[in-house]
Amino acid sequence: MSTATYTVAGMTCGHCVASVREEIEEIAGVRSVDVSLDTGAVEVTSDRELDLSEVNAAVTEAGYQLA
């Protein structure tokens, strides 16, 4: 298991949180995603170490950016 924390810029509401969570959950191997609206922190637990480009692509698909 691998856990990593990322920071997402631009989230302003619960819908933002849900969009980011949904896109990251689609990455192969992801087991859980915890998103904090207050801090922009996104903690991802997965079966393998994720490549930053995978996470960045998912966040971009949701309409946000990694900070």
C-alpha atoms as a PDB file:
ATOM      1  CA  MET A   1       0.000   0.000   0.000  1.00  0.00           C
ATOM      2  CA  SER A   2       1.095   3.513  -0.746  1.00  0.00           C
ATOM      3  CA  THR A   3      -0.296   6.784   0.625  1.00  0.00           C
ATOM      4  CA  ALA A   4       0.482  10.173  -0.882  1.00  0.00           C
ATOM      5  CA  THR A   5      -0.834  13.680  -0.293  1.00  0.00           C
ATOM      6  CA  TYR A   6      -1.327  16.249  -3.030  1.00  0.00           C
ATOM      7  CA  THR A   7      -2.643  19.813  -2.978  1.00  0.00           C
ATOM      8  CA  VAL A   8      -5.378  20.857  -5.386  1.00  0.00           C
ATOM      9  CA  ALA A   9      -5.972  24.540  -6.144  1.00  0.00           C
ATOM     10  CA  GLY A  10      -9.312  26.110  -6.933  1.00  0.00           C
ATOM     11  CA  MET A  11     -11.818  23.952  -5.042  1.00  0.00           C
ATOM     12  CA  THR A  12     -14.573  26.083  -3.515  1.00  0.00           C
ATOM     13  CA  CYS A  13     -17.484  23.761  -2.663  1.00  0.00           C
ATOM     14  CA  GLY A  14     -18.646  20.217  -2.009  1.00  0.00           C
ATOM     15  CA  HIS A  15     -19.219  19.634  -5.712  1.00  0.00           C
ATOM     16  CA  CYS A  16     -15.546  20.468  -6.358  1.00  0.00           C
ATOM     17  CA  VAL A  17     -14.507  17.917  -3.739  1.00  0.00           C
ATOM     18  CA  ALA A  18     -16.775  15.261  -5.239  1.00  0.00           C
ATOM     19  CA  SER A  19     -15.450  15.893  -8.759  1.00  0.00           C
ATOM     20  CA  VAL A  20     -11.814  15.588  -7.704  1.00  0.00           C
ATOM     21  CA  ARG A  21     -12.526  12.462  -5.627  1.00  0.00           C
ATOM     22  CA  GLU A  22     -14.453  10.814  -8.476  1.00  0.00           C
ATOM     23  CA  GLU A  23     -11.701  11.366 -11.054  1.00  0.00           C
ATOM     24  CA  ILE A  24      -8.877  10.187  -8.785  1.00  0.00           C
ATOM     25  CA  GLU A  25     -10.853   7.090  -7.766  1.00  0.00           C
ATOM     26  CA  GLU A  26     -10.812   6.058 -11.448  1.00  0.00           C
ATOM     27  CA  ILE A  27      -7.017   5.602 -11.412  1.00  0.00           C
ATOM     28  CA  ALA A  28      -6.131   1.904 -11.383  1.00  0.00           C
ATOM     29  CA  GLY A  29      -5.117   0.712  -7.933  1.00  0.00           C
ATOM     30  CA  VAL A  30      -6.619   3.600  -5.935  1.00  0.00           C
ATOM     31  CA  ARG A  31      -8.273   2.337  -2.743  1.00  0.00           C
ATOM     32  CA  SER A  32      -9.371   5.569  -1.043  1.00  0.00           C
ATOM     33  CA  VAL A  33      -9.368   9.307  -1.607  1.00  0.00           C
ATOM     34  CA  ASP A  34      -9.808  11.844   1.203  1.00  0.00           C
ATOM     35  CA  VAL A  35     -10.274  15.440   0.039  1.00  0.00           C
ATOM     36  CA  SER A  36     -10.189  18.455   2.369  1.00  0.00           C
ATOM     37  CA  LEU A  37     -12.002  21.498   1.007  1.00  0.00           C
ATOM     38  CA  ASP A  38     -10.455  23.753   3.684  1.00  0.00           C
ATOM     39  CA  THR A  39      -6.818  22.998   2.868  1.00  0.00           C
ATOM     40  CA  GLY A  40      -7.022  21.576  -0.653  1.00  0.00           C
ATOM     41  CA  ALA A  41      -5.188  18.486   0.589  1.00  0.00           C
ATOM     42  CA  VAL A  42      -5.976  15.214  -1.165  1.00  0.00           C
ATOM     43  CA  GLU A  43      -4.765  12.019   0.494  1.00  0.00           C
ATOM     44  CA  VAL A  44      -4.709   9.026  -1.826  1.00  0.00           C
ATOM     45  CA  THR A  45      -4.196   5.438  -0.714  1.00  0.00           C
ATOM     46  CA  SER A  46      -3.430   2.957  -3.468  1.00  0.00           C
ATOM     47  CA  ASP A  47      -2.067  -0.518  -4.133  1.00  0.00           C
ATOM     48  CA  ARG A  48       0.973   0.982  -5.827  1.00  0.00           C
ATOM     49  CA  GLU A  49       2.933   4.208  -5.932  1.00  0.00           C
ATOM     50  CA  LEU A  50       1.090   6.498  -8.334  1.00  0.00           C
ATOM     51  CA  ASP A  51       2.842   8.448 -11.029  1.00  0.00           C
ATOM     52  CA  LEU A  52       2.345  12.200 -10.572  1.00  0.00           C
ATOM     53  CA  SER A  53       1.220  12.491 -14.199  1.00  0.00           C
ATOM     54  CA  GLU A  54      -1.702  10.111 -13.494  1.00  0.00           C
ATOM     55  CA  VAL A  55      -2.887  12.187 -10.567  1.00  0.00           C
ATOM     56  CA  ASN A  56      -2.372  15.433 -12.465  1.00  0.00           C
ATOM     57  CA  ALA A  57      -4.412  14.129 -15.414  1.00  0.00           C
ATOM     58  CA  ALA A  58      -7.277  13.129 -13.101  1.00  0.00           C
ATOM     59  CA  VAL A  59      -7.283  16.490 -11.318  1.00  0.00           C
ATOM     60  CA  THR A  60      -7.163  18.315 -14.658  1.00  0.00           C
ATOM     61  CA  GLU A  61     -10.086  16.199 -15.933  1.00  0.00           C
ATOM     62  CA  ALA A  62     -12.047  17.333 -12.873  1.00  0.00           C
ATOM     63  CA  GLY A  63     -11.332  20.945 -13.854  1.00  0.00           C
ATOM     64  CA  TYR A  64      -8.672  21.807 -11.255  1.00  0.00           C
ATOM     65  CA  GLN A  65      -4.899  21.976 -10.919  1.00  0.00           C
ATOM     66  CA  LEU A  66      -2.318  20.499  -8.616  1.00  0.00           C
ATOM     67  CA  ALA A  67      -0.732  23.288  -6.586  1.00  0.00           C
END
